[in-house]
Amino acid sequence: MTATNLQLARLLQLASPALPVGAYTYSQGLEWAVESGVIRDEATAGCWISDLLTHGIGRYEAPLVSALMAAWLAGSTSEIVRLNAEFLASRESAELRAETAQMGFSLARLVRDLRDPALSGVESTLGGMPEIGFPTGWSGIAAVWRINPEAALVAY
């Protein structure tokens, strides 16, 4: 397997809905939007999803993942910790914070269980954090596996 194919396989692994971190159980507030009447039909659902992708992920999480990948590649643990704390503080509700912390915890456990020597630094850094945001762990794996940052952002 070529390095490019290995990177693609690893990217597909990280982007898979089967990644065992529990992401499939969370909706980013979709249930509330339906219950409150914000989402009433296909058009309002499309608008809500578009807003989430544009304003939440596009303007904040994607640039954060990019900055985290750069920090992981530079070996800047202090910057990784700072960005992780900033992300956790940005969660608008206890539910959103719990969601990312649970997925971050599960991702740290996955890093340990993979037993990939290349991920030992990620495992060590995540192990020293009291709470891990999902983007922090995800970006660490993507960076260490040398996944192209642009491709990683599309997959994220």
N, C-alpha and C. Protein backbone atom coordinates (compact mmCIF):
# COMPACT_ATOMS: atom_id res chain seq x y z
N MET A 1 0.86 -1.18 0.00
CA MET A 1 0.00 0.00 0.00
C MET A 1 0.90 1.24 0.00
N THR A 2 0.63 2.16 -0.90
CA THR A 2 1.42 3.38 -0.97
C THR A 2 1.06 4.29 0.20
N ALA A 3 1.93 5.25 0.46
CA ALA A 3 1.68 6.20 1.55
C ALA A 3 0.38 6.96 1.32
N THR A 4 0.12 7.34 0.07
CA THR A 4 -1.10 8.08 -0.26
C THR A 4 -2.33 7.23 0.01
N ASN A 5 -2.29 5.96 -0.37
CA ASN A 5 -3.43 5.07 -0.13
C ASN A 5 -3.63 4.83 1.36
N LEU A 6 -2.53 4.70 2.10
CA LEU A 6 -2.63 4.51 3.55
C LEU A 6 -3.26 5.75 4.19
N GLN A 7 -2.85 6.94 3.75
CA GLN A 7 -3.45 8.17 4.28
C GLN A 7 -4.94 8.23 3.97
N LEU A 8 -5.33 7.82 2.77
CA LEU A 8 -6.75 7.82 2.41
C LEU A 8 -7.51 6.82 3.28
N ALA A 9 -6.96 5.64 3.46
CA ALA A 9 -7.62 4.63 4.30
C ALA A 9 -7.79 5.14 5.73
N ARG A 10 -6.77 5.79 6.24
CA ARG A 10 -6.85 6.33 7.59
C ARG A 10 -7.85 7.48 7.68
N LEU A 11 -7.90 8.31 6.65
CA LEU A 11 -8.88 9.40 6.62
C LEU A 11 -10.30 8.84 6.60
N LEU A 12 -10.52 7.81 5.80
CA LEU A 12 -11.83 7.18 5.76
C LEU A 12 -12.18 6.57 7.11
N GLN A 13 -11.19 6.02 7.80
CA GLN A 13 -11.42 5.47 9.14
C GLN A 13 -11.85 6.58 10.10
N LEU A 14 -11.16 7.71 10.07
CA LEU A 14 -11.50 8.83 10.96
C LEU A 14 -12.86 9.44 10.63
N ALA A 15 -13.22 9.46 9.35
CA ALA A 15 -14.47 10.09 8.92
C ALA A 15 -15.66 9.14 9.00
N SER A 16 -15.42 7.88 9.28
CA SER A 16 -16.48 6.88 9.27
C SER A 16 -17.50 7.10 10.39
N PRO A 17 -18.78 6.97 10.07
CA PRO A 17 -19.79 7.02 11.13
C PRO A 17 -19.66 5.84 12.09
N ALA A 18 -18.87 4.83 11.69
CA ALA A 18 -18.65 3.67 12.56
C ALA A 18 -17.47 3.88 13.52
N LEU A 19 -16.82 5.05 13.46
CA LEU A 19 -15.74 5.34 14.40
C LEU A 19 -16.32 5.21 15.81
N PRO A 20 -15.76 4.36 16.64
CA PRO A 20 -16.41 4.04 17.92
C PRO A 20 -16.25 5.12 18.99
N VAL A 21 -16.83 6.28 18.73
CA VAL A 21 -16.78 7.36 19.72
C VAL A 21 -18.17 7.83 20.13
N GLY A 22 -19.19 7.25 19.54
CA GLY A 22 -20.56 7.60 19.92
C GLY A 22 -21.13 8.81 19.22
N ALA A 23 -20.48 9.31 18.19
CA ALA A 23 -20.96 10.53 17.51
C ALA A 23 -22.36 10.35 16.93
N TYR A 24 -22.68 9.14 16.52
CA TYR A 24 -23.99 8.89 15.91
C TYR A 24 -25.14 9.13 16.89
N THR A 25 -24.85 9.18 18.19
CA THR A 25 -25.92 9.36 19.18
C THR A 25 -26.23 10.82 19.45
N TYR A 26 -25.49 11.73 18.85
CA TYR A 26 -25.68 13.15 19.10
C TYR A 26 -26.23 13.85 17.87
N SER A 27 -26.99 14.93 18.09
CA SER A 27 -27.64 15.61 16.97
C SER A 27 -27.27 17.08 16.85
N GLN A 28 -26.44 17.60 17.75
CA GLN A 28 -26.07 19.02 17.72
C GLN A 28 -27.29 19.92 17.93
N GLY A 29 -28.32 19.42 18.60
CA GLY A 29 -29.49 20.23 18.89
C GLY A 29 -30.64 20.05 17.91
N LEU A 30 -30.52 19.10 17.00
CA LEU A 30 -31.56 18.88 16.00
C LEU A 30 -32.92 18.55 16.65
N GLU A 31 -32.91 17.68 17.67
CA GLU A 31 -34.18 17.32 18.31
C GLU A 31 -34.87 18.56 18.89
N TRP A 32 -34.10 19.42 19.55
CA TRP A 32 -34.67 20.65 20.11
C TRP A 32 -35.26 21.51 19.00
N ALA A 33 -34.54 21.62 17.88
CA ALA A 33 -35.03 22.46 16.78
C ALA A 33 -36.35 21.93 16.23
N VAL A 34 -36.50 20.61 16.18
CA VAL A 34 -37.76 20.02 15.72
C VAL A 34 -38.86 20.25 16.76
N GLU A 35 -38.55 19.96 18.03
CA GLU A 35 -39.55 20.11 19.10
C GLU A 35 -40.02 21.55 19.25
N SER A 36 -39.12 22.50 19.06
CA SER A 36 -39.48 23.91 19.25
C SER A 36 -40.13 24.53 18.02
N GLY A 37 -40.17 23.79 16.93
CA GLY A 37 -40.81 24.28 15.71
C GLY A 37 -39.89 25.04 14.77
N VAL A 38 -38.61 25.15 15.11
CA VAL A 38 -37.66 25.81 14.21
C VAL A 38 -37.58 25.00 12.91
N ILE A 39 -37.58 23.68 13.04
CA ILE A 39 -37.60 22.80 11.88
C ILE A 39 -39.01 22.24 11.76
N ARG A 40 -39.64 22.56 10.61
CA ARG A 40 -41.01 22.14 10.37
C ARG A 40 -41.16 21.28 9.12
N ASP A 41 -40.16 21.37 8.23
CA ASP A 41 -40.28 20.68 6.95
C ASP A 41 -38.88 20.56 6.33
N GLU A 42 -38.85 20.06 5.11
CA GLU A 42 -37.56 19.85 4.43
C GLU A 42 -36.79 21.16 4.26
N ALA A 43 -37.47 22.23 3.91
CA ALA A 43 -36.80 23.51 3.68
C ALA A 43 -36.18 24.06 4.96
N THR A 44 -36.92 24.02 6.08
CA THR A 44 -36.37 24.54 7.33
C THR A 44 -35.27 23.62 7.87
N ALA A 45 -35.39 22.31 7.60
CA ALA A 45 -34.31 21.40 7.98
C ALA A 45 -33.04 21.72 7.20
N GLY A 46 -33.19 21.95 5.90
CA GLY A 46 -32.03 22.31 5.07
C GLY A 46 -31.38 23.60 5.53
N CYS A 47 -32.20 24.57 5.90
CA CYS A 47 -31.68 25.85 6.38
C CYS A 47 -30.92 25.66 7.70
N TRP A 48 -31.50 24.88 8.61
CA TRP A 48 -30.86 24.64 9.91
C TRP A 48 -29.52 23.93 9.73
N ILE A 49 -29.49 22.90 8.89
CA ILE A 49 -28.25 22.15 8.64
C ILE A 49 -27.21 23.06 7.97
N SER A 50 -27.65 23.85 7.01
CA SER A 50 -26.74 24.78 6.33
C SER A 50 -26.14 25.78 7.32
N ASP A 51 -26.97 26.31 8.20
CA ASP A 51 -26.47 27.25 9.21
C ASP A 51 -25.46 26.59 10.13
N LEU A 52 -25.74 25.36 10.56
CA LEU A 52 -24.81 24.63 11.43
C LEU A 52 -23.47 24.45 10.73
N LEU A 53 -23.51 24.03 9.47
CA LEU A 53 -22.26 23.81 8.74
C LEU A 53 -21.53 25.11 8.45
N THR A 54 -22.27 26.15 8.09
CA THR A 54 -21.65 27.42 7.74
C THR A 54 -21.11 28.16 8.96
N HIS A 55 -21.94 28.32 9.96
CA HIS A 55 -21.58 29.17 11.09
C HIS A 55 -20.83 28.42 12.20
N GLY A 56 -21.23 27.20 12.50
CA GLY A 56 -20.59 26.46 13.58
C GLY A 56 -19.33 25.76 13.14
N ILE A 57 -19.48 24.91 12.16
CA ILE A 57 -18.33 24.11 11.72
C ILE A 57 -17.43 24.92 10.80
N GLY A 58 -18.01 25.58 9.83
CA GLY A 58 -17.21 26.31 8.85
C GLY A 58 -16.42 27.48 9.41
N ARG A 59 -17.04 28.22 10.31
CA ARG A 59 -16.37 29.43 10.83
C ARG A 59 -15.61 29.22 12.12
N TYR A 60 -15.87 28.12 12.81
CA TYR A 60 -15.16 27.92 14.08
C TYR A 60 -14.45 26.57 14.16
N GLU A 61 -15.20 25.49 14.02
CA GLU A 61 -14.56 24.19 14.24
C GLU A 61 -13.53 23.85 13.17
N ALA A 62 -13.82 24.12 11.91
CA ALA A 62 -12.84 23.80 10.87
C ALA A 62 -11.54 24.60 11.05
N PRO A 63 -11.60 25.92 11.28
CA PRO A 63 -10.35 26.63 11.56
C PRO A 63 -9.65 26.14 12.83
N LEU A 64 -10.45 25.73 13.82
CA LEU A 64 -9.87 25.18 15.05
C LEU A 64 -9.13 23.88 14.75
N VAL A 65 -9.75 22.99 13.98
CA VAL A 65 -9.09 21.73 13.62
C VAL A 65 -7.80 22.01 12.86
N SER A 66 -7.82 22.98 11.97
CA SER A 66 -6.62 23.36 11.23
C SER A 66 -5.52 23.84 12.17
N ALA A 67 -5.88 24.71 13.10
CA ALA A 67 -4.89 25.22 14.07
C ALA A 67 -4.39 24.10 14.97
N LEU A 68 -5.28 23.20 15.37
CA LEU A 68 -4.86 22.07 16.20
C LEU A 68 -3.91 21.14 15.44
N MET A 69 -4.22 20.87 14.17
CA MET A 69 -3.32 20.02 13.39
C MET A 69 -1.92 20.65 13.30
N ALA A 70 -1.88 21.96 13.09
CA ALA A 70 -0.58 22.66 13.03
C ALA A 70 0.14 22.55 14.37
N ALA A 71 -0.59 22.68 15.47
CA ALA A 71 0.03 22.57 16.80
C ALA A 71 0.53 21.15 17.05
N TRP A 72 -0.24 20.15 16.65
CA TRP A 72 0.22 18.77 16.81
C TRP A 72 1.49 18.54 16.00
N LEU A 73 1.51 19.02 14.75
CA LEU A 73 2.69 18.82 13.90
C LEU A 73 3.91 19.55 14.45
N ALA A 74 3.68 20.70 15.08
CA ALA A 74 4.79 21.47 15.67
C ALA A 74 5.21 20.93 17.03
N GLY A 75 4.44 20.00 17.58
CA GLY A 75 4.74 19.47 18.90
C GLY A 75 4.49 20.46 20.01
N SER A 76 3.57 21.38 19.79
CA SER A 76 3.30 22.44 20.76
C SER A 76 2.18 22.03 21.72
N THR A 77 2.54 21.29 22.74
CA THR A 77 1.56 20.82 23.71
C THR A 77 0.82 21.97 24.37
N SER A 78 1.51 23.05 24.66
CA SER A 78 0.84 24.19 25.31
C SER A 78 -0.23 24.78 24.41
N GLU A 79 0.01 24.83 23.11
CA GLU A 79 -0.99 25.35 22.18
C GLU A 79 -2.17 24.37 22.03
N ILE A 80 -1.87 23.09 22.03
CA ILE A 80 -2.93 22.07 21.96
C ILE A 80 -3.83 22.20 23.18
N VAL A 81 -3.23 22.31 24.35
CA VAL A 81 -4.00 22.45 25.60
C VAL A 81 -4.82 23.74 25.58
N ARG A 82 -4.23 24.83 25.11
CA ARG A 82 -4.94 26.11 25.05
C ARG A 82 -6.14 26.04 24.11
N LEU A 83 -5.92 25.50 22.92
CA LEU A 83 -7.01 25.40 21.95
C LEU A 83 -8.11 24.45 22.44
N ASN A 84 -7.72 23.38 23.10
CA ASN A 84 -8.70 22.45 23.66
C ASN A 84 -9.57 23.16 24.70
N ALA A 85 -8.93 23.91 25.59
CA ALA A 85 -9.68 24.65 26.63
C ALA A 85 -10.59 25.69 26.00
N GLU A 86 -10.11 26.36 24.97
CA GLU A 86 -10.93 27.36 24.28
C GLU A 86 -12.17 26.71 23.65
N PHE A 87 -11.96 25.56 23.02
CA PHE A 87 -13.10 24.87 22.41
C PHE A 87 -14.11 24.44 23.46
N LEU A 88 -13.64 23.83 24.54
CA LEU A 88 -14.55 23.39 25.60
C LEU A 88 -15.34 24.57 26.16
N ALA A 89 -14.68 25.70 26.32
CA ALA A 89 -15.36 26.90 26.85
C ALA A 89 -16.38 27.47 25.86
N SER A 90 -16.22 27.16 24.60
CA SER A 90 -17.11 27.72 23.57
C SER A 90 -18.44 26.99 23.47
N ARG A 91 -18.57 25.85 24.09
CA ARG A 91 -19.81 25.07 23.97
C ARG A 91 -20.95 25.84 24.64
N GLU A 92 -22.03 26.02 23.91
CA GLU A 92 -23.13 26.88 24.33
C GLU A 92 -23.99 26.30 25.44
N SER A 93 -23.91 25.00 25.65
CA SER A 93 -24.74 24.37 26.68
C SER A 93 -23.97 23.23 27.33
N ALA A 94 -24.48 22.81 28.49
CA ALA A 94 -23.86 21.67 29.19
C ALA A 94 -23.94 20.42 28.33
N GLU A 95 -25.02 20.29 27.56
CA GLU A 95 -25.19 19.11 26.72
C GLU A 95 -24.13 19.06 25.62
N LEU A 96 -23.88 20.21 24.97
CA LEU A 96 -22.87 20.24 23.91
C LEU A 96 -21.47 20.00 24.47
N ARG A 97 -21.21 20.52 25.66
CA ARG A 97 -19.91 20.30 26.27
C ARG A 97 -19.75 18.82 26.64
N ALA A 98 -20.79 18.23 27.21
CA ALA A 98 -20.74 16.81 27.57
C ALA A 98 -20.56 15.94 26.33
N GLU A 99 -21.21 16.33 25.25
CA GLU A 99 -21.10 15.60 23.99
C GLU A 99 -19.66 15.55 23.51
N THR A 100 -19.02 16.69 23.41
CA THR A 100 -17.65 16.72 22.90
C THR A 100 -16.68 16.05 23.86
N ALA A 101 -16.92 16.20 25.18
CA ALA A 101 -16.03 15.58 26.16
C ALA A 101 -16.15 14.05 26.13
N GLN A 102 -17.38 13.55 25.96
CA GLN A 102 -17.57 12.10 25.88
C GLN A 102 -16.89 11.56 24.63
N MET A 103 -17.09 12.24 23.50
CA MET A 103 -16.46 11.77 22.26
C MET A 103 -14.94 11.91 22.33
N GLY A 104 -14.44 12.96 22.97
CA GLY A 104 -13.00 13.12 23.15
C GLY A 104 -12.42 12.01 24.02
N PHE A 105 -13.14 11.69 25.10
CA PHE A 105 -12.71 10.60 25.98
C PHE A 105 -12.67 9.28 25.19
N SER A 106 -13.71 9.02 24.41
CA SER A 106 -13.77 7.78 23.63
C SER A 106 -12.67 7.75 22.57
N LEU A 107 -12.36 8.90 21.99
CA LEU A 107 -11.30 8.96 20.99
C LEU A 107 -9.94 8.70 21.64
N ALA A 108 -9.72 9.23 22.83
CA ALA A 108 -8.46 8.98 23.55
C ALA A 108 -8.33 7.48 23.86
N ARG A 109 -9.44 6.85 24.25
CA ARG A 109 -9.42 5.41 24.52
C ARG A 109 -9.12 4.64 23.23
N LEU A 110 -9.70 5.08 22.11
CA LEU A 110 -9.43 4.44 20.82
C LEU A 110 -7.95 4.55 20.45
N VAL A 111 -7.36 5.72 20.67
CA VAL A 111 -5.93 5.91 20.38
C VAL A 111 -5.12 4.89 21.17
N ARG A 112 -5.46 4.73 22.44
CA ARG A 112 -4.75 3.75 23.27
C ARG A 112 -4.96 2.34 22.73
N ASP A 113 -6.21 2.01 22.39
CA ASP A 113 -6.54 0.65 21.95
C ASP A 113 -5.95 0.30 20.58
N LEU A 114 -5.71 1.30 19.74
CA LEU A 114 -5.12 1.04 18.43
C LEU A 114 -3.69 0.53 18.53
N ARG A 115 -3.01 0.91 19.58
CA ARG A 115 -1.62 0.48 19.82
C ARG A 115 -0.71 0.79 18.63
N ASP A 116 -0.96 1.95 18.02
CA ASP A 116 -0.13 2.41 16.90
C ASP A 116 1.02 3.21 17.50
N PRO A 117 2.26 2.74 17.36
CA PRO A 117 3.39 3.47 17.95
C PRO A 117 3.47 4.93 17.48
N ALA A 118 3.00 5.19 16.27
CA ALA A 118 3.04 6.57 15.77
C ALA A 118 2.15 7.49 16.58
N LEU A 119 1.14 6.93 17.25
CA LEU A 119 0.20 7.74 18.03
C LEU A 119 0.57 7.86 19.50
N SER A 120 1.76 7.40 19.89
CA SER A 120 2.14 7.43 21.31
C SER A 120 2.18 8.85 21.86
N GLY A 121 2.64 9.81 21.06
CA GLY A 121 2.66 11.20 21.52
C GLY A 121 1.26 11.76 21.71
N VAL A 122 0.34 11.39 20.81
CA VAL A 122 -1.06 11.82 20.94
C VAL A 122 -1.65 11.20 22.20
N GLU A 123 -1.39 9.92 22.39
CA GLU A 123 -1.90 9.24 23.58
C GLU A 123 -1.40 9.90 24.85
N SER A 124 -0.13 10.23 24.89
CA SER A 124 0.47 10.87 26.07
C SER A 124 -0.13 12.26 26.32
N THR A 125 -0.25 13.05 25.27
CA THR A 125 -0.79 14.40 25.42
C THR A 125 -2.25 14.35 25.86
N LEU A 126 -3.05 13.51 25.22
CA LEU A 126 -4.46 13.41 25.60
C LEU A 126 -4.60 12.87 27.02
N GLY A 127 -3.73 11.95 27.39
CA GLY A 127 -3.78 11.37 28.73
C GLY A 127 -3.51 12.38 29.83
N GLY A 128 -2.84 13.48 29.49
CA GLY A 128 -2.55 14.50 30.48
C GLY A 128 -3.63 15.57 30.60
N MET A 129 -4.69 15.44 29.82
CA MET A 129 -5.76 16.44 29.84
C MET A 129 -6.93 15.94 30.68
N PRO A 130 -7.48 16.79 31.54
CA PRO A 130 -8.63 16.35 32.34
C PRO A 130 -9.90 16.17 31.52
N GLU A 131 -10.03 16.91 30.44
CA GLU A 131 -11.19 16.83 29.57
C GLU A 131 -10.73 17.11 28.14
N ILE A 132 -11.19 16.31 27.19
CA ILE A 132 -10.71 16.40 25.82
C ILE A 132 -11.87 16.71 24.90
N GLY A 133 -11.74 17.78 24.14
CA GLY A 133 -12.73 18.06 23.11
C GLY A 133 -12.48 17.15 21.92
N PHE A 134 -13.55 16.70 21.29
CA PHE A 134 -13.43 15.79 20.15
C PHE A 134 -12.47 16.33 19.08
N PRO A 135 -12.55 17.62 18.69
CA PRO A 135 -11.63 18.11 17.65
C PRO A 135 -10.15 17.98 18.04
N THR A 136 -9.86 18.04 19.33
CA THR A 136 -8.47 17.96 19.78
C THR A 136 -7.89 16.59 19.50
N GLY A 137 -8.60 15.56 19.90
CA GLY A 137 -8.13 14.20 19.64
C GLY A 137 -8.13 13.86 18.17
N TRP A 138 -9.21 14.25 17.48
CA TRP A 138 -9.35 13.94 16.06
C TRP A 138 -8.21 14.56 15.27
N SER A 139 -7.91 15.82 15.54
CA SER A 139 -6.85 16.52 14.80
C SER A 139 -5.48 15.94 15.10
N GLY A 140 -5.29 15.46 16.33
CA GLY A 140 -4.01 14.84 16.67
C GLY A 140 -3.76 13.58 15.85
N ILE A 141 -4.77 12.76 15.73
CA ILE A 141 -4.64 11.54 14.93
C ILE A 141 -4.39 11.91 13.47
N ALA A 142 -5.20 12.84 12.94
CA ALA A 142 -5.04 13.24 11.53
C ALA A 142 -3.64 13.79 11.26
N ALA A 143 -3.14 14.60 12.17
CA ALA A 143 -1.82 15.20 11.98
C ALA A 143 -0.72 14.14 12.01
N VAL A 144 -0.76 13.28 13.01
CA VAL A 144 0.29 12.26 13.15
C VAL A 144 0.24 11.25 12.00
N TRP A 145 -0.94 10.96 11.52
CA TRP A 145 -1.07 10.06 10.38
C TRP A 145 -0.76 10.75 9.06
N ARG A 146 -0.37 12.01 9.12
CA ARG A 146 0.05 12.80 7.94
C ARG A 146 -1.05 12.91 6.89
N ILE A 147 -2.26 13.04 7.36
CA ILE A 147 -3.38 13.25 6.45
C ILE A 147 -3.34 14.70 5.97
N ASN A 148 -3.51 14.89 4.69
CA ASN A 148 -3.50 16.24 4.12
C ASN A 148 -4.49 17.11 4.88
N PRO A 149 -4.06 18.27 5.39
CA PRO A 149 -4.96 19.12 6.18
C PRO A 149 -6.25 19.51 5.46
N GLU A 150 -6.17 19.79 4.16
CA GLU A 150 -7.39 20.15 3.43
C GLU A 150 -8.35 18.98 3.37
N ALA A 151 -7.84 17.78 3.11
CA ALA A 151 -8.68 16.59 3.08
C ALA A 151 -9.25 16.30 4.47
N ALA A 152 -8.45 16.52 5.48
CA ALA A 152 -8.91 16.29 6.86
C ALA A 152 -10.07 17.22 7.20
N LEU A 153 -9.98 18.48 6.78
CA LEU A 153 -11.06 19.42 7.05
C LEU A 153 -12.34 19.05 6.33
N VAL A 154 -12.22 18.57 5.11
CA VAL A 154 -13.42 18.13 4.38
C VAL A 154 -14.05 16.94 5.11
N ALA A 155 -13.24 16.01 5.55
CA ALA A 155 -13.76 14.83 6.24
C ALA A 155 -14.34 15.19 7.60
N TYR A 156 -13.73 16.14 8.28
CA TYR A 156 -14.22 16.54 9.61
C TYR A 156 -15.62 17.11 9.49
